[in-house]
């Protein structure tokens, strides 16, 4: 069995590896579970059950945790393991609110992550989360869903700050 130790104490129980209560990885190859990332996906990793988003490290937001009063809003939505729109335009050098919606029909937790801008917005199914962004620098930035396997399944976008 090929196992990766993620953090904390590792124990093997019935062929699965648990790291401080979080299913880490127990695979025999990169596609042992039918996804390209090699990470097992199950109900607990999809936003429900005992290993929901808080247990997975998905729970923080980007540069500001709340919306900025009177700032314009740009909306992004999770759809079919993608984003709509898949090219998001934000204004440079000004305040803007970014609202990320994860419709209930997705049934899984998703996030909208833009590492270069410090953005990480997490939404459970049926939620919309909004963060305030201040004075972004012009450029083109890669965005994706950081839930294991989701970016590999097509949850990628481009953020254009202009």
C-alpha atoms as a PDB file:
ATOM      1  CA  UNK A   1       0.000   0.000   0.000  1.00  0.00           C
ATOM      2  CA  UNK A   2       1.300   3.456  -0.911  1.00  0.00           C
ATOM      3  CA  UNK A   3       0.437   5.820   1.953  1.00  0.00           C
ATOM      4  CA  UNK A   4       1.186   9.474   2.525  1.00  0.00           C
ATOM      5  CA  UNK A   5       1.539  10.935   5.975  1.00  0.00           C
ATOM      6  CA  UNK A   6      -0.113  14.352   5.972  1.00  0.00           C
ATOM      7  CA  UNK A   7       0.153  15.543   9.582  1.00  0.00           C
ATOM      8  CA  UNK A   8      -0.037  14.325  13.138  1.00  0.00           C
ATOM      9  CA  UNK A   9      -0.246  10.709  14.209  1.00  0.00           C
ATOM     10  CA  UNK A  10      -0.867   8.116  11.521  1.00  0.00           C
ATOM     11  CA  UNK A  11      -2.673   4.809  12.097  1.00  0.00           C
ATOM     12  CA  UNK A  12      -3.723   2.149   9.615  1.00  0.00           C
ATOM     13  CA  UNK A  13      -7.266   0.873  10.214  1.00  0.00           C
ATOM     14  CA  UNK A  14      -8.809  -1.630   7.788  1.00  0.00           C
ATOM     15  CA  UNK A  15      -6.530  -0.546   4.966  1.00  0.00           C
ATOM     16  CA  UNK A  16      -7.293   3.173   5.341  1.00  0.00           C
ATOM     17  CA  UNK A  17      -4.972   5.724   6.834  1.00  0.00           C
ATOM     18  CA  UNK A  18      -6.351   8.144   9.384  1.00  0.00           C
ATOM     19  CA  UNK A  19      -4.430  11.212  10.434  1.00  0.00           C
ATOM     20  CA  UNK A  20      -5.828  12.800  13.576  1.00  0.00           C
ATOM     21  CA  UNK A  21      -9.310  11.745  12.441  1.00  0.00           C
ATOM     22  CA  UNK A  22      -8.979  12.871   8.809  1.00  0.00           C
ATOM     23  CA  UNK A  23      -8.877  10.334   5.997  1.00  0.00           C
ATOM     24  CA  UNK A  24      -5.502  11.057   4.416  1.00  0.00           C
ATOM     25  CA  UNK A  25      -4.787   8.573   1.646  1.00  0.00           C
ATOM     26  CA  UNK A  26      -4.662   4.847   1.125  1.00  0.00           C
ATOM     27  CA  UNK A  27      -4.162   3.984  -2.520  1.00  0.00           C
ATOM     28  CA  UNK A  28      -2.291   1.514  -4.636  1.00  0.00           C
ATOM     29  CA  UNK A  29      -1.806   3.898  -7.548  1.00  0.00           C
ATOM     30  CA  UNK A  30      -2.681   7.408  -8.673  1.00  0.00           C
ATOM     31  CA  UNK A  31      -6.035   6.373 -10.122  1.00  0.00           C
ATOM     32  CA  UNK A  32      -7.031   3.709  -7.624  1.00  0.00           C
ATOM     33  CA  UNK A  33     -10.201   5.578  -6.745  1.00  0.00           C
ATOM     34  CA  UNK A  34     -11.177   6.657 -10.241  1.00  0.00           C
ATOM     35  CA  UNK A  35      -9.958  10.240 -10.036  1.00  0.00           C
ATOM     36  CA  UNK A  36      -6.762  11.703 -11.371  1.00  0.00           C
ATOM     37  CA  UNK A  37      -5.659  13.215  -8.078  1.00  0.00           C
ATOM     38  CA  UNK A  38      -5.435   9.822  -6.340  1.00  0.00           C
ATOM     39  CA  UNK A  39      -7.412  11.052  -3.327  1.00  0.00           C
ATOM     40  CA  UNK A  40     -10.398   8.997  -2.201  1.00  0.00           C
ATOM     41  CA  UNK A  41     -13.648  10.947  -2.292  1.00  0.00           C
ATOM     42  CA  UNK A  42     -16.621   9.992  -0.194  1.00  0.00           C
ATOM     43  CA  UNK A  43     -19.617  11.485   1.582  1.00  0.00           C
ATOM     44  CA  UNK A  44     -17.503  12.803   4.462  1.00  0.00           C
ATOM     45  CA  UNK A  45     -15.285  14.719   2.053  1.00  0.00           C
ATOM     46  CA  UNK A  46     -18.236  16.192   0.168  1.00  0.00           C
ATOM     47  CA  UNK A  47     -19.424  18.550   2.855  1.00  0.00           C
ATOM     48  CA  UNK A  48     -21.606  16.236   4.907  1.00  0.00           C
ATOM     49  CA  UNK A  49     -20.851  13.756   7.616  1.00  0.00           C
ATOM     50  CA  UNK A  50     -18.110  13.856  10.232  1.00  0.00           C
ATOM     51  CA  UNK A  51     -15.355  14.978   7.859  1.00  0.00           C
ATOM     52  CA  UNK A  52     -16.996  18.084   6.450  1.00  0.00           C
ATOM     53  CA  UNK A  53     -15.195  21.178   5.182  1.00  0.00           C
ATOM     54  CA  UNK A  54     -14.031  22.341   8.604  1.00  0.00           C
ATOM     55  CA  UNK A  55     -12.132  19.072   9.098  1.00  0.00           C
ATOM     56  CA  UNK A  56     -10.503  19.330   5.679  1.00  0.00           C
ATOM     57  CA  UNK A  57      -8.876  22.729   6.181  1.00  0.00           C
ATOM     58  CA  UNK A  58     -11.390  24.452   3.910  1.00  0.00           C
ATOM     59  CA  UNK A  59     -12.918  27.205   5.953  1.00  0.00           C
ATOM     60  CA  UNK A  60     -10.990  30.415   5.635  1.00  0.00           C
ATOM     61  CA  UNK A  61     -11.670  33.317   3.350  1.00  0.00           C
ATOM     62  CA  UNK A  62      -9.456  35.707   1.439  1.00  0.00           C
ATOM     63  CA  UNK A  63      -8.114  39.156   2.279  1.00  0.00           C
ATOM     64  CA  UNK A  64     -11.236  40.369   4.116  1.00  0.00           C
ATOM     65  CA  UNK A  65     -13.806  38.135   5.749  1.00  0.00           C
ATOM     66  CA  UNK A  66     -16.771  40.448   5.203  1.00  0.00           C
ATOM     67  CA  UNK A  67     -18.184  42.495   2.369  1.00  0.00           C
ATOM     68  CA  UNK A  68     -17.082  46.102   1.985  1.00  0.00           C
ATOM     69  CA  UNK A  69     -20.071  48.492   2.331  1.00  0.00           C
ATOM     70  CA  UNK A  70     -21.043  50.263  -0.906  1.00  0.00           C
ATOM     71  CA  UNK A  71     -18.412  48.441  -2.997  1.00  0.00           C
ATOM     72  CA  UNK A  72     -19.475  46.937  -6.344  1.00  0.00           C
ATOM     73  CA  UNK A  73     -20.062  43.179  -6.399  1.00  0.00           C
ATOM     74  CA  UNK A  74     -18.739  40.561  -8.812  1.00  0.00           C
ATOM     75  CA  UNK A  75     -20.426  37.134  -8.700  1.00  0.00           C
ATOM     76  CA  UNK A  76     -18.944  33.693  -9.414  1.00  0.00           C
ATOM     77  CA  UNK A  77     -20.858  30.409  -9.250  1.00  0.00           C
ATOM     78  CA  UNK A  78     -19.800  26.765  -9.079  1.00  0.00           C
ATOM     79  CA  UNK A  79     -21.370  24.768 -11.946  1.00  0.00           C
ATOM     80  CA  UNK A  80     -20.751  21.184 -13.093  1.00  0.00           C
ATOM     81  CA  UNK A  81     -17.168  21.084 -11.794  1.00  0.00           C
ATOM     82  CA  UNK A  82     -16.440  24.469 -13.314  1.00  0.00           C
ATOM     83  CA  UNK A  83     -17.057  28.156 -12.646  1.00  0.00           C
ATOM     84  CA  UNK A  84     -19.454  30.598 -14.264  1.00  0.00           C
ATOM     85  CA  UNK A  85     -18.095  32.783 -15.605  1.00  0.00           C
ATOM     86  CA  UNK A  86     -14.770  31.056 -16.179  1.00  0.00           C
ATOM     87  CA  UNK A  87     -13.067  34.420 -16.725  1.00  0.00           C
ATOM     88  CA  UNK A  88     -13.746  36.814 -13.864  1.00  0.00           C
ATOM     89  CA  UNK A  89     -12.997  40.518 -14.257  1.00  0.00           C
ATOM     90  CA  UNK A  90     -12.189  42.612 -11.179  1.00  0.00           C
ATOM     91  CA  UNK A  91     -11.294  46.309 -11.027  1.00  0.00           C
ATOM     92  CA  UNK A  92      -7.722  47.277 -10.117  1.00  0.00           C
ATOM     93  CA  UNK A  93      -6.810  49.680  -7.321  1.00  0.00           C
ATOM     94  CA  UNK A  94     -10.345  49.875  -5.918  1.00  0.00           C
ATOM     95  CA  UNK A  95     -12.587  48.075  -3.438  1.00  0.00           C
ATOM     96  CA  UNK A  96     -14.800  45.256  -4.718  1.00  0.00           C
ATOM     97  CA  UNK A  97     -16.873  42.461  -3.190  1.00  0.00           C
ATOM     98  CA  UNK A  98     -16.468  38.963  -4.599  1.00  0.00           C
ATOM     99  CA  UNK A  99     -19.517  36.722  -4.045  1.00  0.00           C
ATOM    100  CA  UNK A 100     -19.052  32.976  -4.564  1.00  0.00           C
ATOM    101  CA  UNK A 101     -22.186  30.813  -4.828  1.00  0.00           C
ATOM    102  CA  UNK A 102     -22.267  27.039  -4.503  1.00  0.00           C
ATOM    103  CA  UNK A 103     -25.798  25.965  -5.541  1.00  0.00           C
ATOM    104  CA  UNK A 104     -27.499  23.293  -3.451  1.00  0.00           C
ATOM    105  CA  UNK A 105     -27.707  21.034  -6.514  1.00  0.00           C
ATOM    106  CA  UNK A 106     -23.923  20.508  -6.481  1.00  0.00           C
ATOM    107  CA  UNK A 107     -24.217  18.477  -3.287  1.00  0.00           C
ATOM    108  CA  UNK A 108     -20.514  19.009  -2.478  1.00  0.00           C
ATOM    109  CA  UNK A 109     -18.371  21.672  -0.833  1.00  0.00           C
ATOM    110  CA  UNK A 110     -16.479  23.899  -3.293  1.00  0.00           C
ATOM    111  CA  UNK A 111     -14.114  26.806  -2.907  1.00  0.00           C
ATOM    112  CA  UNK A 112     -12.811  29.600  -5.079  1.00  0.00           C
ATOM    113  CA  UNK A 113      -9.065  29.995  -4.591  1.00  0.00           C
ATOM    114  CA  UNK A 114      -6.695  32.542  -6.152  1.00  0.00           C
ATOM    115  CA  UNK A 115      -3.358  32.091  -4.357  1.00  0.00           C
ATOM    116  CA  UNK A 116      -1.630  35.083  -5.990  1.00  0.00           C
ATOM    117  CA  UNK A 117      -4.361  37.392  -4.635  1.00  0.00           C
ATOM    118  CA  UNK A 118      -4.773  35.666  -1.259  1.00  0.00           C
ATOM    119  CA  UNK A 119      -8.369  34.651  -2.036  1.00  0.00           C
ATOM    120  CA  UNK A 120      -9.871  31.464  -0.586  1.00  0.00           C
ATOM    121  CA  UNK A 121     -13.686  31.462  -0.351  1.00  0.00           C
ATOM    122  CA  UNK A 122     -15.397  28.278   0.822  1.00  0.00           C
ATOM    123  CA  UNK A 123     -19.099  27.546   0.329  1.00  0.00           C
ATOM    124  CA  UNK A 124     -21.121  24.504   1.278  1.00  0.00           C
ATOM    125  CA  UNK A 125     -23.976  23.441  -1.028  1.00  0.00           C
ATOM    126  CA  UNK A 126     -26.645  26.141  -1.051  1.00  0.00           C
ATOM    127  CA  UNK A 127     -24.377  28.876   0.325  1.00  0.00           C
ATOM    128  CA  UNK A 128     -23.129  32.184  -1.029  1.00  0.00           C
ATOM    129  CA  UNK A 129     -20.061  33.687   0.643  1.00  0.00           C
ATOM    130  CA  UNK A 130     -18.860  37.222  -0.002  1.00  0.00           C
ATOM    131  CA  UNK A 131     -15.432  38.681   0.736  1.00  0.00           C
ATOM    132  CA  UNK A 132     -14.212  42.232   0.347  1.00  0.00           C
ATOM    133  CA  UNK A 133     -11.109  42.844  -1.752  1.00  0.00           C
ATOM    134  CA  UNK A 134      -9.084  46.047  -1.597  1.00  0.00           C
ATOM    135  CA  UNK A 135      -6.728  47.609  -4.153  1.00  0.00           C
ATOM    136  CA  UNK A 136      -5.900  44.587  -6.314  1.00  0.00           C
ATOM    137  CA  UNK A 137      -2.897  44.798  -8.632  1.00  0.00           C
ATOM    138  CA  UNK A 138      -3.482  44.496 -12.375  1.00  0.00           C
ATOM    139  CA  UNK A 139      -2.765  41.098 -13.912  1.00  0.00           C
ATOM    140  CA  UNK A 140      -4.077  37.677 -14.924  1.00  0.00           C
ATOM    141  CA  UNK A 141      -4.328  35.133 -12.135  1.00  0.00           C
ATOM    142  CA  UNK A 142      -5.116  31.415 -12.003  1.00  0.00           C
ATOM    143  CA  UNK A 143      -8.151  30.409  -9.930  1.00  0.00           C
ATOM    144  CA  UNK A 144      -9.360  26.936  -8.998  1.00  0.00           C
ATOM    145  CA  UNK A 145     -11.271  24.836  -6.486  1.00  0.00           C
ATOM    146  CA  UNK A 146      -8.714  23.446  -4.025  1.00  0.00           C
ATOM    147  CA  UNK A 147     -10.859  20.518  -2.848  1.00  0.00           C
ATOM    148  CA  UNK A 148      -8.776  17.445  -3.809  1.00  0.00           C
ATOM    149  CA  UNK A 149      -9.586  16.314  -7.360  1.00  0.00           C
ATOM    150  CA  UNK A 150     -11.842  19.253  -8.278  1.00  0.00           C
ATOM    151  CA  UNK A 151      -9.284  21.355 -10.202  1.00  0.00           C
ATOM    152  CA  UNK A 152      -8.194  18.196 -12.044  1.00  0.00           C
ATOM    153  CA  UNK A 153     -11.860  17.706 -12.978  1.00  0.00           C
ATOM    154  CA  UNK A 154     -12.029  21.160 -14.575  1.00  0.00           C
ATOM    155  CA  UNK A 155     -12.755  23.578 -11.723  1.00  0.00           C
ATOM    156  CA  UNK A 156     -10.366  26.254 -13.000  1.00  0.00           C
ATOM    157  CA  UNK A 157     -10.814  29.867 -14.026  1.00  0.00           C
ATOM    158  CA  UNK A 158      -8.859  33.008 -14.830  1.00  0.00           C
ATOM    159  CA  UNK A 159      -9.187  36.211 -12.808  1.00  0.00           C
ATOM    160  CA  UNK A 160      -8.375  39.361 -14.759  1.00  0.00           C
ATOM    161  CA  UNK A 161      -7.716  42.484 -12.717  1.00  0.00           C
ATOM    162  CA  UNK A 162      -7.810  45.557 -14.952  1.00  0.00           C
END
